[in-house]
């Protein structure tokens, strides 16, 4: 849907109506049940699962590209990923792993400090 622009370049959106809209096909997704969607530990686990599945997908694509470009290469078929796309996915996987490690380190530090404080 295209919206008209005012001369000052701000968008003019259609007015909000009181009539019901048809239900959208896209539904927001969460690994968590509604009751846990504000629980910090549950959210951390959900984010970790998302990161891990993303990293897994990146590495599977890179692996498939490497296999297809090695001794099994078919000159008639282009590689699954370009060199640039392969590099971007690898860098994403590295960055995501680094982020997960930093989050885990902060969580460990918080838990250790809490434990030491409780022992006093």
PDB file of N, CA and C in Angstrom:
ATOM      1  N   UNK A   1       0.849  -1.170   0.000  1.00  0.00           N
ATOM      2  CA  UNK A   1       0.000   0.000   0.000  1.00  0.00           C
ATOM      3  C   UNK A   1       0.896   1.235   0.000  1.00  0.00           C
ATOM      4  N   UNK A   2       0.585   2.167  -0.859  1.00  0.00           N
ATOM      5  CA  UNK A   2       1.365   3.395  -0.942  1.00  0.00           C
ATOM      6  C   UNK A   2       0.599   4.522  -0.279  1.00  0.00           C
ATOM      7  N   UNK A   3       1.311   5.333   0.463  1.00  0.00           N
ATOM      8  CA  UNK A   3       0.712   6.478   1.129  1.00  0.00           C
ATOM      9  C   UNK A   3       1.261   7.749   0.507  1.00  0.00           C
ATOM     10  N   UNK A   4       0.380   8.743   0.418  1.00  0.00           N
ATOM     11  CA  UNK A   4       0.788  10.026  -0.143  1.00  0.00           C
ATOM     12  C   UNK A   4       1.693  10.763   0.833  1.00  0.00           C
ATOM     13  N   UNK A   5       2.585  11.594   0.281  1.00  0.00           N
ATOM     14  CA  UNK A   5       3.445  12.420   1.127  1.00  0.00           C
ATOM     15  C   UNK A   5       2.965  13.854   1.087  1.00  0.00           C
ATOM     16  N   UNK A   6       3.010  14.476   2.241  1.00  0.00           N
ATOM     17  CA  UNK A   6       2.734  15.907   2.300  1.00  0.00           C
ATOM     18  C   UNK A   6       3.963  16.634   1.763  1.00  0.00           C
ATOM     19  N   UNK A   7       3.852  17.911   1.461  1.00  0.00           N
ATOM     20  CA  UNK A   7       5.017  18.653   0.978  1.00  0.00           C
ATOM     21  C   UNK A   7       6.197  18.626   1.950  1.00  0.00           C
ATOM     22  N   UNK A   8       5.937  18.512   3.252  1.00  0.00           N
ATOM     23  CA  UNK A   8       7.049  18.487   4.205  1.00  0.00           C
ATOM     24  C   UNK A   8       7.628  17.078   4.360  1.00  0.00           C
ATOM     25  N   UNK A   9       7.222  16.131   3.497  1.00  0.00           N
ATOM     26  CA  UNK A   9       7.726  14.760   3.435  1.00  0.00           C
ATOM     27  C   UNK A   9       7.250  13.856   4.570  1.00  0.00           C
ATOM     28  N   UNK A  10       6.236  14.259   5.332  1.00  0.00           N
ATOM     29  CA  UNK A  10       5.671  13.351   6.318  1.00  0.00           C
ATOM     30  C   UNK A  10       4.583  12.544   5.638  1.00  0.00           C
ATOM     31  N   UNK A  11       4.378  11.338   6.087  1.00  0.00           N
ATOM     32  CA  UNK A  11       3.392  10.465   5.466  1.00  0.00           C
ATOM     33  C   UNK A  11       1.997  10.735   6.001  1.00  0.00           C
ATOM     34  N   UNK A  12       1.023  10.607   5.128  1.00  0.00           N
ATOM     35  CA  UNK A  12      -0.371  10.722   5.507  1.00  0.00           C
ATOM     36  C   UNK A  12      -0.904   9.289   5.585  1.00  0.00           C
ATOM     37  N   UNK A  13      -1.225   8.848   6.787  1.00  0.00           N
ATOM     38  CA  UNK A  13      -1.726   7.488   6.955  1.00  0.00           C
ATOM     39  C   UNK A  13      -3.242   7.498   6.917  1.00  0.00           C
ATOM     40  N   UNK A  14      -3.840   6.383   6.505  1.00  0.00           N
ATOM     41  CA  UNK A  14      -5.299   6.341   6.473  1.00  0.00           C
ATOM     42  C   UNK A  14      -5.845   6.453   7.895  1.00  0.00           C
ATOM     43  N   UNK A  15      -7.016   7.038   8.043  1.00  0.00           N
ATOM     44  CA  UNK A  15      -7.581   7.202   9.388  1.00  0.00           C
ATOM     45  C   UNK A  15      -7.909   5.842  10.003  1.00  0.00           C
ATOM     46  N   UNK A  16      -7.802   5.775  11.313  1.00  0.00           N
ATOM     47  CA  UNK A  16      -8.165   4.556  12.027  1.00  0.00           C
ATOM     48  C   UNK A  16      -9.684   4.485  12.055  1.00  0.00           C
ATOM     49  N   UNK A  17     -10.215   3.354  11.663  1.00  0.00           N
ATOM     50  CA  UNK A  17     -11.669   3.223  11.637  1.00  0.00           C
ATOM     51  C   UNK A  17     -12.116   2.277  12.741  1.00  0.00           C
ATOM     52  N   UNK A  18     -13.377   2.367  13.074  1.00  0.00           N
ATOM     53  CA  UNK A  18     -13.947   1.502  14.103  1.00  0.00           C
ATOM     54  C   UNK A  18     -14.397   0.165  13.534  1.00  0.00           C
ATOM     55  N   UNK A  19     -14.365   0.026  12.231  1.00  0.00           N
ATOM     56  CA  UNK A  19     -14.792  -1.239  11.638  1.00  0.00           C
ATOM     57  C   UNK A  19     -13.705  -2.284  11.847  1.00  0.00           C
ATOM     58  N   UNK A  20     -14.129  -3.506  11.988  1.00  0.00           N
ATOM     59  CA  UNK A  20     -13.159  -4.576  12.225  1.00  0.00           C
ATOM     60  C   UNK A  20     -12.399  -4.887  10.934  1.00  0.00           C
ATOM     61  N   UNK A  21     -11.147  -5.215  11.121  1.00  0.00           N
ATOM     62  CA  UNK A  21     -10.295  -5.572   9.987  1.00  0.00           C
ATOM     63  C   UNK A  21     -10.304  -7.081   9.831  1.00  0.00           C
ATOM     64  N   UNK A  22     -10.050  -7.562   8.623  1.00  0.00           N
ATOM     65  CA  UNK A  22      -9.931  -9.007   8.473  1.00  0.00           C
ATOM     66  C   UNK A  22      -8.686  -9.487   9.241  1.00  0.00           C
ATOM     67  N   UNK A  23      -8.755 -10.695   9.752  1.00  0.00           N
ATOM     68  CA  UNK A  23      -7.644 -11.233  10.524  1.00  0.00           C
ATOM     69  C   UNK A  23      -6.443 -11.441   9.612  1.00  0.00           C
ATOM     70  N   UNK A  24      -5.283 -11.018  10.060  1.00  0.00           N
ATOM     71  CA  UNK A  24      -4.054 -11.136   9.268  1.00  0.00           C
ATOM     72  C   UNK A  24      -3.535 -12.573   9.299  1.00  0.00           C
ATOM     73  N   UNK A  25      -2.852 -12.958   8.242  1.00  0.00           N
ATOM     74  CA  UNK A  25      -2.248 -14.289   8.195  1.00  0.00           C
ATOM     75  C   UNK A  25      -1.059 -14.395   9.147  1.00  0.00           C
ATOM     76  N   UNK A  26      -0.282 -13.320   9.240  1.00  0.00           N
ATOM     77  CA  UNK A  26       0.896 -13.335  10.109  1.00  0.00           C
ATOM     78  C   UNK A  26       0.473 -13.223  11.568  1.00  0.00           C
ATOM     79  N   UNK A  27       1.008 -14.093  12.374  1.00  0.00           N
ATOM     80  CA  UNK A  27       0.753 -14.050  13.814  1.00  0.00           C
ATOM     81  C   UNK A  27       2.103 -13.887  14.521  1.00  0.00           C
ATOM     82  N   UNK A  28       2.171 -13.005  15.502  1.00  0.00           N
ATOM     83  CA  UNK A  28       3.421 -12.887  16.254  1.00  0.00           C
ATOM     84  C   UNK A  28       3.783 -14.243  16.849  1.00  0.00           C
ATOM     85  N   UNK A  29       5.063 -14.567  16.832  1.00  0.00           N
ATOM     86  CA  UNK A  29       5.511 -15.879  17.296  1.00  0.00           C
ATOM     87  C   UNK A  29       6.342 -15.757  18.557  1.00  0.00           C
ATOM     88  N   UNK A  30       6.177 -16.698  19.439  1.00  0.00           N
ATOM     89  CA  UNK A  30       7.018 -16.802  20.622  1.00  0.00           C
ATOM     90  C   UNK A  30       7.115 -18.269  20.998  1.00  0.00           C
ATOM     91  N   UNK A  31       8.285 -18.678  21.474  1.00  0.00           N
ATOM     92  CA  UNK A  31       8.456 -20.031  22.003  1.00  0.00           C
ATOM     93  C   UNK A  31       7.721 -20.162  23.333  1.00  0.00           C
ATOM     94  N   UNK A  32       7.426 -19.053  23.956  1.00  0.00           N
ATOM     95  CA  UNK A  32       6.904 -19.044  25.320  1.00  0.00           C
ATOM     96  C   UNK A  32       5.383 -18.943  25.352  1.00  0.00           C
ATOM     97  N   UNK A  33       4.803 -19.558  26.362  1.00  0.00           N
ATOM     98  CA  UNK A  33       3.368 -19.375  26.589  1.00  0.00           C
ATOM     99  C   UNK A  33       3.163 -17.958  27.106  1.00  0.00           C
ATOM    100  N   UNK A  34       1.961 -17.471  26.986  1.00  0.00           N
ATOM    101  CA  UNK A  34       1.653 -16.076  27.349  1.00  0.00           C
ATOM    102  C   UNK A  34       2.121 -15.714  28.755  1.00  0.00           C
ATOM    103  N   UNK A  35       1.943 -16.608  29.715  1.00  0.00           N
ATOM    104  CA  UNK A  35       2.287 -16.315  31.114  1.00  0.00           C
ATOM    105  C   UNK A  35       3.774 -16.085  31.331  1.00  0.00           C
ATOM    106  N   UNK A  36       4.623 -16.569  30.426  1.00  0.00           N
ATOM    107  CA  UNK A  36       6.076 -16.437  30.597  1.00  0.00           C
ATOM    108  C   UNK A  36       6.695 -15.334  29.743  1.00  0.00           C
ATOM    109  N   UNK A  37       5.918 -14.612  28.997  1.00  0.00           N
ATOM    110  CA  UNK A  37       6.465 -13.634  28.046  1.00  0.00           C
ATOM    111  C   UNK A  37       7.077 -12.400  28.681  1.00  0.00           C
ATOM    112  N   UNK A  38       6.996 -12.283  30.003  1.00  0.00           N
ATOM    113  CA  UNK A  38       7.640 -11.167  30.702  1.00  0.00           C
ATOM    114  C   UNK A  38       8.616 -11.669  31.752  1.00  0.00           C
ATOM    115  N   UNK A  39       8.876 -12.980  31.764  1.00  0.00           N
ATOM    116  CA  UNK A  39       9.806 -13.590  32.708  1.00  0.00           C
ATOM    117  C   UNK A  39      11.219 -13.483  32.132  1.00  0.00           C
ATOM    118  N   UNK A  40      12.133 -12.825  32.863  1.00  0.00           N
ATOM    119  CA  UNK A  40      13.483 -12.555  32.358  1.00  0.00           C
ATOM    120  C   UNK A  40      14.242 -13.831  32.000  1.00  0.00           C
ATOM    121  N   UNK A  41      14.175 -14.854  32.858  1.00  0.00           N
ATOM    122  CA  UNK A  41      14.876 -16.105  32.567  1.00  0.00           C
ATOM    123  C   UNK A  41      14.299 -16.810  31.345  1.00  0.00           C
ATOM    124  N   UNK A  42      12.972 -16.818  31.233  1.00  0.00           N
ATOM    125  CA  UNK A  42      12.326 -17.450  30.085  1.00  0.00           C
ATOM    126  C   UNK A  42      12.656 -16.696  28.792  1.00  0.00           C
ATOM    127  N   UNK A  43      12.657 -15.368  28.858  1.00  0.00           N
ATOM    128  CA  UNK A  43      13.006 -14.567  27.678  1.00  0.00           C
ATOM    129  C   UNK A  43      14.443 -14.813  27.250  1.00  0.00           C
ATOM    130  N   UNK A  44      15.346 -14.954  28.217  1.00  0.00           N
ATOM    131  CA  UNK A  44      16.752 -15.241  27.908  1.00  0.00           C
ATOM    132  C   UNK A  44      16.877 -16.592  27.210  1.00  0.00           C
ATOM    133  N   UNK A  45      16.154 -17.587  27.712  1.00  0.00           N
ATOM    134  CA  UNK A  45      16.191 -18.909  27.083  1.00  0.00           C
ATOM    135  C   UNK A  45      15.606 -18.870  25.675  1.00  0.00           C
ATOM    136  N   UNK A  46      14.528 -18.114  25.498  1.00  0.00           N
ATOM    137  CA  UNK A  46      13.917 -17.982  24.182  1.00  0.00           C
ATOM    138  C   UNK A  46      14.878 -17.313  23.197  1.00  0.00           C
ATOM    139  N   UNK A  47      15.541 -16.246  23.643  1.00  0.00           N
ATOM    140  CA  UNK A  47      16.502 -15.548  22.794  1.00  0.00           C
ATOM    141  C   UNK A  47      17.677 -16.467  22.456  1.00  0.00           C
ATOM    142  N   UNK A  48      18.134 -17.236  23.429  1.00  0.00           N
ATOM    143  CA  UNK A  48      19.241 -18.162  23.192  1.00  0.00           C
ATOM    144  C   UNK A  48      18.839 -19.200  22.143  1.00  0.00           C
ATOM    145  N   UNK A  49      17.626 -19.731  22.252  1.00  0.00           N
ATOM    146  CA  UNK A  49      17.153 -20.707  21.264  1.00  0.00           C
ATOM    147  C   UNK A  49      17.116 -20.080  19.873  1.00  0.00           C
ATOM    148  N   UNK A  50      16.598 -18.848  19.755  1.00  0.00           N
ATOM    149  CA  UNK A  50      16.552 -18.160  18.463  1.00  0.00           C
ATOM    150  C   UNK A  50      17.950 -17.987  17.886  1.00  0.00           C
ATOM    151  N   UNK A  51      18.892 -17.525  18.714  1.00  0.00           N
ATOM    152  CA  UNK A  51      20.264 -17.342  18.255  1.00  0.00           C
ATOM    153  C   UNK A  51      20.857 -18.663  17.787  1.00  0.00           C
ATOM    154  N   UNK A  52      20.692 -19.701  18.584  1.00  0.00           N
ATOM    155  CA  UNK A  52      21.290 -20.993  18.247  1.00  0.00           C
ATOM    156  C   UNK A  52      20.726 -21.556  16.952  1.00  0.00           C
ATOM    157  N   UNK A  53      19.420 -21.441  16.761  1.00  0.00           N
ATOM    158  CA  UNK A  53      18.828 -21.920  15.513  1.00  0.00           C
ATOM    159  C   UNK A  53      19.304 -21.093  14.315  1.00  0.00           C
ATOM    160  N   UNK A  54      19.471 -19.788  14.506  1.00  0.00           N
ATOM    161  CA  UNK A  54      20.004 -18.934  13.434  1.00  0.00           C
ATOM    162  C   UNK A  54      21.437 -19.291  13.100  1.00  0.00           C
ATOM    163  N   UNK A  55      22.254 -19.493  14.124  1.00  0.00           N
ATOM    164  CA  UNK A  55      23.645 -19.881  13.909  1.00  0.00           C
ATOM    165  C   UNK A  55      23.707 -21.231  13.198  1.00  0.00           C
ATOM    166  N   UNK A  56      22.874 -22.169  13.642  1.00  0.00           N
ATOM    167  CA  UNK A  56      22.837 -23.490  13.019  1.00  0.00           C
ATOM    168  C   UNK A  56      22.509 -23.378  11.531  1.00  0.00           C
ATOM    169  N   UNK A  57      21.509 -22.564  11.198  1.00  0.00           N
ATOM    170  CA  UNK A  57      21.124 -22.385   9.799  1.00  0.00           C
ATOM    171  C   UNK A  57      22.271 -21.788   8.991  1.00  0.00           C
ATOM    172  N   UNK A  58      22.922 -20.770   9.538  1.00  0.00           N
ATOM    173  CA  UNK A  58      24.064 -20.155   8.846  1.00  0.00           C
ATOM    174  C   UNK A  58      25.153 -21.186   8.568  1.00  0.00           C
ATOM    175  N   UNK A  59      25.496 -21.949   9.583  1.00  0.00           N
ATOM    176  CA  UNK A  59      26.574 -22.931   9.427  1.00  0.00           C
ATOM    177  C   UNK A  59      26.187 -24.056   8.472  1.00  0.00           C
ATOM    178  N   UNK A  60      24.910 -24.453   8.469  1.00  0.00           N
ATOM    179  CA  UNK A  60      24.464 -25.472   7.514  1.00  0.00           C
ATOM    180  C   UNK A  60      24.577 -24.962   6.080  1.00  0.00           C
ATOM    181  N   UNK A  61      24.202 -23.695   5.850  1.00  0.00           N
ATOM    182  CA  UNK A  61      24.312 -23.110   4.509  1.00  0.00           C
ATOM    183  C   UNK A  61      25.775 -23.007   4.078  1.00  0.00           C
ATOM    184  N   UNK A  62      26.630 -22.588   4.994  1.00  0.00           N
ATOM    185  CA  UNK A  62      28.061 -22.479   4.692  1.00  0.00           C
ATOM    186  C   UNK A  62      28.634 -23.862   4.392  1.00  0.00           C
ATOM    187  N   UNK A  63      28.274 -24.851   5.199  1.00  0.00           N
ATOM    188  CA  UNK A  63      28.763 -26.212   5.005  1.00  0.00           C
ATOM    189  C   UNK A  63      28.318 -26.758   3.648  1.00  0.00           C
ATOM    190  N   UNK A  64      27.032 -26.552   3.300  1.00  0.00           N
ATOM    191  CA  UNK A  64      26.525 -27.025   2.014  1.00  0.00           C
ATOM    192  C   UNK A  64      27.255 -26.349   0.859  1.00  0.00           C
ATOM    193  N   UNK A  65      27.543 -25.064   1.006  1.00  0.00           N
ATOM    194  CA  UNK A  65      28.289 -24.341  -0.030  1.00  0.00           C
ATOM    195  C   UNK A  65      29.701 -24.899  -0.162  1.00  0.00           C
ATOM    196  N   UNK A  66      30.348 -25.139   0.970  1.00  0.00           N
ATOM    197  CA  UNK A  66      31.706 -25.681   0.945  1.00  0.00           C
ATOM    198  C   UNK A  66      31.744 -27.070   0.310  1.00  0.00           C
ATOM    199  N   UNK A  67      30.761 -27.909   0.637  1.00  0.00           N
ATOM    200  CA  UNK A  67      30.702 -29.243   0.034  1.00  0.00           C
ATOM    201  C   UNK A  67      30.505 -29.151  -1.477  1.00  0.00           C
ATOM    202  N   UNK A  68      29.593 -28.267  -1.886  1.00  0.00           N
ATOM    203  CA  UNK A  68      29.273 -28.140  -3.308  1.00  0.00           C
ATOM    204  C   UNK A  68      30.412 -27.516  -4.114  1.00  0.00           C
ATOM    205  N   UNK A  69      31.310 -26.802  -3.442  1.00  0.00           N
ATOM    206  CA  UNK A  69      32.399 -26.162  -4.182  1.00  0.00           C
ATOM    207  C   UNK A  69      33.702 -26.956  -4.077  1.00  0.00           C
ATOM    208  N   UNK A  70      33.682 -28.049  -3.344  1.00  0.00           N
ATOM    209  CA  UNK A  70      34.879 -28.878  -3.198  1.00  0.00           C
ATOM    210  C   UNK A  70      34.944 -29.936  -4.276  1.00  0.00           C
ATOM    211  N   UNK A  71      35.279 -31.139  -3.887  1.00  0.00           N
ATOM    212  CA  UNK A  71      35.431 -32.226  -4.866  1.00  0.00           C
ATOM    213  C   UNK A  71      34.098 -32.626  -5.484  1.00  0.00           C
ATOM    214  N   UNK A  72      32.990 -32.223  -4.860  1.00  0.00           N
ATOM    215  CA  UNK A  72      31.672 -32.545  -5.391  1.00  0.00           C
ATOM    216  C   UNK A  72      31.131 -31.439  -6.292  1.00  0.00           C
ATOM    217  N   UNK A  73      31.931 -30.475  -6.620  1.00  0.00           N
ATOM    218  CA  UNK A  73      31.476 -29.319  -7.394  1.00  0.00           C
ATOM    219  C   UNK A  73      30.942 -29.738  -8.755  1.00  0.00           C
ATOM    220  N   UNK A  74      29.823 -29.163  -9.105  1.00  0.00           N
ATOM    221  CA  UNK A  74      29.228 -29.365 -10.418  1.00  0.00           C
ATOM    222  C   UNK A  74      29.378 -28.050 -11.163  1.00  0.00           C
ATOM    223  N   UNK A  75      30.246 -28.032 -12.187  1.00  0.00           N
ATOM    224  CA  UNK A  75      30.477 -26.772 -12.906  1.00  0.00           C
ATOM    225  C   UNK A  75      29.216 -26.185 -13.539  1.00  0.00           C
ATOM    226  N   UNK A  76      28.211 -27.007 -13.743  1.00  0.00           N
ATOM    227  CA  UNK A  76      26.970 -26.516 -14.349  1.00  0.00           C
ATOM    228  C   UNK A  76      26.085 -25.808 -13.327  1.00  0.00           C
ATOM    229  N   UNK A  77      26.346 -25.980 -12.037  1.00  0.00           N
ATOM    230  CA  UNK A  77      25.533 -25.381 -10.985  1.00  0.00           C
ATOM    231  C   UNK A  77      26.300 -24.272 -10.276  1.00  0.00           C
ATOM    232  N   UNK A  78      25.674 -23.121 -10.088  1.00  0.00           N
ATOM    233  CA  UNK A  78      26.343 -22.072  -9.316  1.00  0.00           C
ATOM    234  C   UNK A  78      26.386 -22.490  -7.843  1.00  0.00           C
ATOM    235  N   UNK A  79      27.313 -21.936  -7.073  1.00  0.00           N
ATOM    236  CA  UNK A  79      27.363 -22.283  -5.646  1.00  0.00           C
ATOM    237  C   UNK A  79      26.102 -21.808  -4.933  1.00  0.00           C
ATOM    238  N   UNK A  80      25.776 -22.459  -3.832  1.00  0.00           N
ATOM    239  CA  UNK A  80      24.606 -22.071  -3.055  1.00  0.00           C
ATOM    240  C   UNK A  80      24.725 -20.627  -2.584  1.00  0.00           C
ATOM    241  N   UNK A  81      25.901 -20.252  -2.056  1.00  0.00           N
ATOM    242  CA  UNK A  81      26.152 -18.900  -1.567  1.00  0.00           C
ATOM    243  C   UNK A  81      27.310 -18.277  -2.324  1.00  0.00           C
ATOM    244  N   UNK A  82      27.226 -16.979  -2.538  1.00  0.00           N
ATOM    245  CA  UNK A  82      28.374 -16.264  -3.094  1.00  0.00           C
ATOM    246  C   UNK A  82      29.426 -16.150  -1.995  1.00  0.00           C
ATOM    247  N   UNK A  83      30.630 -15.784  -2.366  1.00  0.00           N
ATOM    248  CA  UNK A  83      31.701 -15.607  -1.381  1.00  0.00           C
ATOM    249  C   UNK A  83      31.283 -14.547  -0.361  1.00  0.00           C
ATOM    250  N   UNK A  84      30.672 -13.465  -0.828  1.00  0.00           N
ATOM    251  CA  UNK A  84      30.239 -12.388   0.070  1.00  0.00           C
ATOM    252  C   UNK A  84      29.143 -12.856   1.020  1.00  0.00           C
ATOM    253  N   UNK A  85      28.147 -13.571   0.499  1.00  0.00           N
ATOM    254  CA  UNK A  85      27.059 -14.059   1.347  1.00  0.00           C
ATOM    255  C   UNK A  85      27.586 -15.054   2.370  1.00  0.00           C
ATOM    256  N   UNK A  86      28.506 -15.925   1.940  1.00  0.00           N
ATOM    257  CA  UNK A  86      29.110 -16.899   2.854  1.00  0.00           C
ATOM    258  C   UNK A  86      29.822 -16.171   3.989  1.00  0.00           C
ATOM    259  N   UNK A  87      30.578 -15.153   3.645  1.00  0.00           N
ATOM    260  CA  UNK A  87      31.325 -14.375   4.646  1.00  0.00           C
ATOM    261  C   UNK A  87      30.379 -13.659   5.604  1.00  0.00           C
ATOM    262  N   UNK A  88      29.302 -13.086   5.086  1.00  0.00           N
ATOM    263  CA  UNK A  88      28.333 -12.391   5.946  1.00  0.00           C
ATOM    264  C   UNK A  88      27.689 -13.350   6.945  1.00  0.00           C
ATOM    265  N   UNK A  89      27.318 -14.532   6.472  1.00  0.00           N
ATOM    266  CA  UNK A  89      26.719 -15.515   7.381  1.00  0.00           C
ATOM    267  C   UNK A  89      27.720 -15.977   8.431  1.00  0.00           C
ATOM    268  N   UNK A  90      28.974 -16.169   8.022  1.00  0.00           N
ATOM    269  CA  UNK A  90      29.998 -16.582   8.981  1.00  0.00           C
ATOM    270  C   UNK A  90      30.206 -15.491  10.032  1.00  0.00           C
ATOM    271  N   UNK A  91      30.274 -14.243   9.607  1.00  0.00           N
ATOM    272  CA  UNK A  91      30.448 -13.134  10.558  1.00  0.00           C
ATOM    273  C   UNK A  91      29.248 -12.995  11.486  1.00  0.00           C
ATOM    274  N   UNK A  92      28.048 -13.220  10.955  1.00  0.00           N
ATOM    275  CA  UNK A  92      26.862 -13.190  11.810  1.00  0.00           C
ATOM    276  C   UNK A  92      26.947 -14.274  12.874  1.00  0.00           C
ATOM    277  N   UNK A  93      27.323 -15.495  12.460  1.00  0.00           N
ATOM    278  CA  UNK A  93      27.423 -16.607  13.409  1.00  0.00           C
ATOM    279  C   UNK A  93      28.456 -16.298  14.488  1.00  0.00           C
ATOM    280  N   UNK A  94      29.585 -15.734  14.096  1.00  0.00           N
ATOM    281  CA  UNK A  94      30.627 -15.365  15.069  1.00  0.00           C
ATOM    282  C   UNK A  94      30.102 -14.315  16.030  1.00  0.00           C
ATOM    283  N   UNK A  95      29.443 -13.292  15.496  1.00  0.00           N
ATOM    284  CA  UNK A  95      28.917 -12.210  16.331  1.00  0.00           C
ATOM    285  C   UNK A  95      27.828 -12.718  17.274  1.00  0.00           C
ATOM    286  N   UNK A  96      26.944 -13.574  16.774  1.00  0.00           N
ATOM    287  CA  UNK A  96      25.874 -14.116  17.615  1.00  0.00           C
ATOM    288  C   UNK A  96      26.454 -14.972  18.737  1.00  0.00           C
ATOM    289  N   UNK A  97      27.469 -15.785  18.439  1.00  0.00           N
ATOM    290  CA  UNK A  97      28.117 -16.594  19.482  1.00  0.00           C
ATOM    291  C   UNK A  97      28.779 -15.696  20.519  1.00  0.00           C
ATOM    292  N   UNK A  98      29.405 -14.640  20.069  1.00  0.00           N
ATOM    293  CA  UNK A  98      30.047 -13.700  20.989  1.00  0.00           C
ATOM    294  C   UNK A  98      29.010 -13.050  21.901  1.00  0.00           C
ATOM    295  N   UNK A  99      27.869 -12.650  21.318  1.00  0.00           N
ATOM    296  CA  UNK A  99      26.800 -12.035  22.100  1.00  0.00           C
ATOM    297  C   UNK A  99      26.251 -13.014  23.138  1.00  0.00           C
ATOM    298  N   UNK A 100      26.048 -14.268  22.730  1.00  0.00           N
ATOM    299  CA  UNK A 100      25.565 -15.278  23.670  1.00  0.00           C
ATOM    300  C   UNK A 100      26.559 -15.484  24.805  1.00  0.00           C
ATOM    301  N   UNK A 101      27.847 -15.521  24.491  1.00  0.00           N
ATOM    302  CA  UNK A 101      28.865 -15.703  25.518  1.00  0.00           C
ATOM    303  C   UNK A 101      28.881 -14.523  26.487  1.00  0.00           C
ATOM    304  N   UNK A 102      28.737 -13.302  25.980  1.00  0.00           N
ATOM    305  CA  UNK A 102      28.698 -12.121  26.845  1.00  0.00           C
ATOM    306  C   UNK A 102      27.480 -12.156  27.760  1.00  0.00           C
ATOM    307  N   UNK A 103      26.329 -12.533  27.210  1.00  0.00           N
ATOM    308  CA  UNK A 103      25.120 -12.625  28.028  1.00  0.00           C
ATOM    309  C   UNK A 103      25.265 -13.696  29.103  1.00  0.00           C
ATOM    310  N   UNK A 104      25.836 -14.831  28.737  1.00  0.00           N
ATOM    311  CA  UNK A 104      26.034 -15.901  29.714  1.00  0.00           C
ATOM    312  C   UNK A 104      27.019 -15.462  30.794  1.00  0.00           C
ATOM    313  N   UNK A 105      28.086 -14.769  30.398  1.00  0.00           N
ATOM    314  CA  UNK A 105      29.073 -14.291  31.377  1.00  0.00           C
ATOM    315  C   UNK A 105      28.433 -13.318  32.358  1.00  0.00           C
ATOM    316  N   UNK A 106      27.602 -12.408  31.855  1.00  0.00           N
ATOM    317  CA  UNK A 106      26.915 -11.455  32.733  1.00  0.00           C
ATOM    318  C   UNK A 106      25.962 -12.184  33.670  1.00  0.00           C
ATOM    319  N   UNK A 107      25.267 -13.194  33.159  1.00  0.00           N
ATOM    320  CA  UNK A 107      24.346 -13.967  33.987  1.00  0.00           C
ATOM    321  C   UNK A 107      25.108 -14.743  35.061  1.00  0.00           C
ATOM    322  N   UNK A 108      26.228 -15.340  34.694  1.00  0.00           N
ATOM    323  CA  UNK A 108      27.059 -16.071  35.659  1.00  0.00           C
ATOM    324  C   UNK A 108      27.560 -15.132  36.746  1.00  0.00           C
ATOM    325  N   UNK A 109      28.043 -13.966  36.329  1.00  0.00           N
ATOM    326  CA  UNK A 109      28.541 -12.986  37.291  1.00  0.00           C
ATOM    327  C   UNK A 109      27.426 -12.547  38.252  1.00  0.00           C
ATOM    328  N   UNK A 110      26.245 -12.293  37.715  1.00  0.00           N
ATOM    329  CA  UNK A 110      25.106 -11.885  38.547  1.00  0.00           C
ATOM    330  C   UNK A 110      24.729 -12.986  39.532  1.00  0.00           C
ATOM    331  N   UNK A 111      24.670 -14.215  39.041  1.00  0.00           N
ATOM    332  CA  UNK A 111      24.294 -15.335  39.910  1.00  0.00           C
ATOM    333  C   UNK A 111      25.359 -15.591  40.984  1.00  0.00           C
ATOM    334  N   UNK A 112      26.646 -15.507  40.601  1.00  0.00           N
ATOM    335  CA  UNK A 112      27.728 -15.712  41.581  1.00  0.00           C
ATOM    336  C   UNK A 112      27.690 -14.623  42.659  1.00  0.00           C
ATOM    337  N   UNK A 113      27.481 -13.386  42.234  1.00  0.00           N
ATOM    338  CA  UNK A 113      27.424 -12.288  43.210  1.00  0.00           C
ATOM    339  C   UNK A 113      26.237 -12.472  44.153  1.00  0.00           C
ATOM    340  N   UNK A 114      25.106 -12.879  43.624  1.00  0.00           N
ATOM    341  CA  UNK A 114      23.920 -13.113  44.444  1.00  0.00           C
ATOM    342  C   UNK A 114      24.179 -14.236  45.446  1.00  0.00           C
ATOM    343  N   UNK A 115      24.819 -15.291  44.973  1.00  0.00           N
ATOM    344  CA  UNK A 115      25.112 -16.435  45.849  1.00  0.00           C
ATOM    345  C   UNK A 115      26.065 -16.033  46.979  1.00  0.00           C
ATOM    346  N   UNK A 116      27.119 -15.291  46.626  1.00  0.00           N
ATOM    347  CA  UNK A 116      28.080 -14.853  47.640  1.00  0.00           C
ATOM    348  C   UNK A 116      27.425 -13.916  48.659  1.00  0.00           C
ATOM    349  N   UNK A 117      26.534 -13.050  48.176  1.00  0.00           N
ATOM    350  CA  UNK A 117      25.838 -12.119  49.064  1.00  0.00           C
ATOM    351  C   UNK A 117      24.935 -12.891  50.030  1.00  0.00           C
ATOM    352  N   UNK A 118      24.251 -13.920  49.534  1.00  0.00           N
ATOM    353  CA  UNK A 118      23.353 -14.713  50.366  1.00  0.00           C
ATOM    354  C   UNK A 118      24.102 -15.528  51.411  1.00  0.00           C
ATOM    355  N   UNK A 119      25.356 -15.891  51.129  1.00  0.00           N
ATOM    356  CA  UNK A 119      26.146 -16.701  52.054  1.00  0.00           C
ATOM    357  C   UNK A 119      26.670 -15.891  53.211  1.00  0.00           C
ATOM    358  N   UNK A 120      26.695 -14.577  53.081  1.00  0.00           N
ATOM    359  CA  UNK A 120      27.248 -13.722  54.138  1.00  0.00           C
ATOM    360  C   UNK A 120      26.313 -13.589  55.287  1.00  0.00           C
TER     361      UNK A 120
END
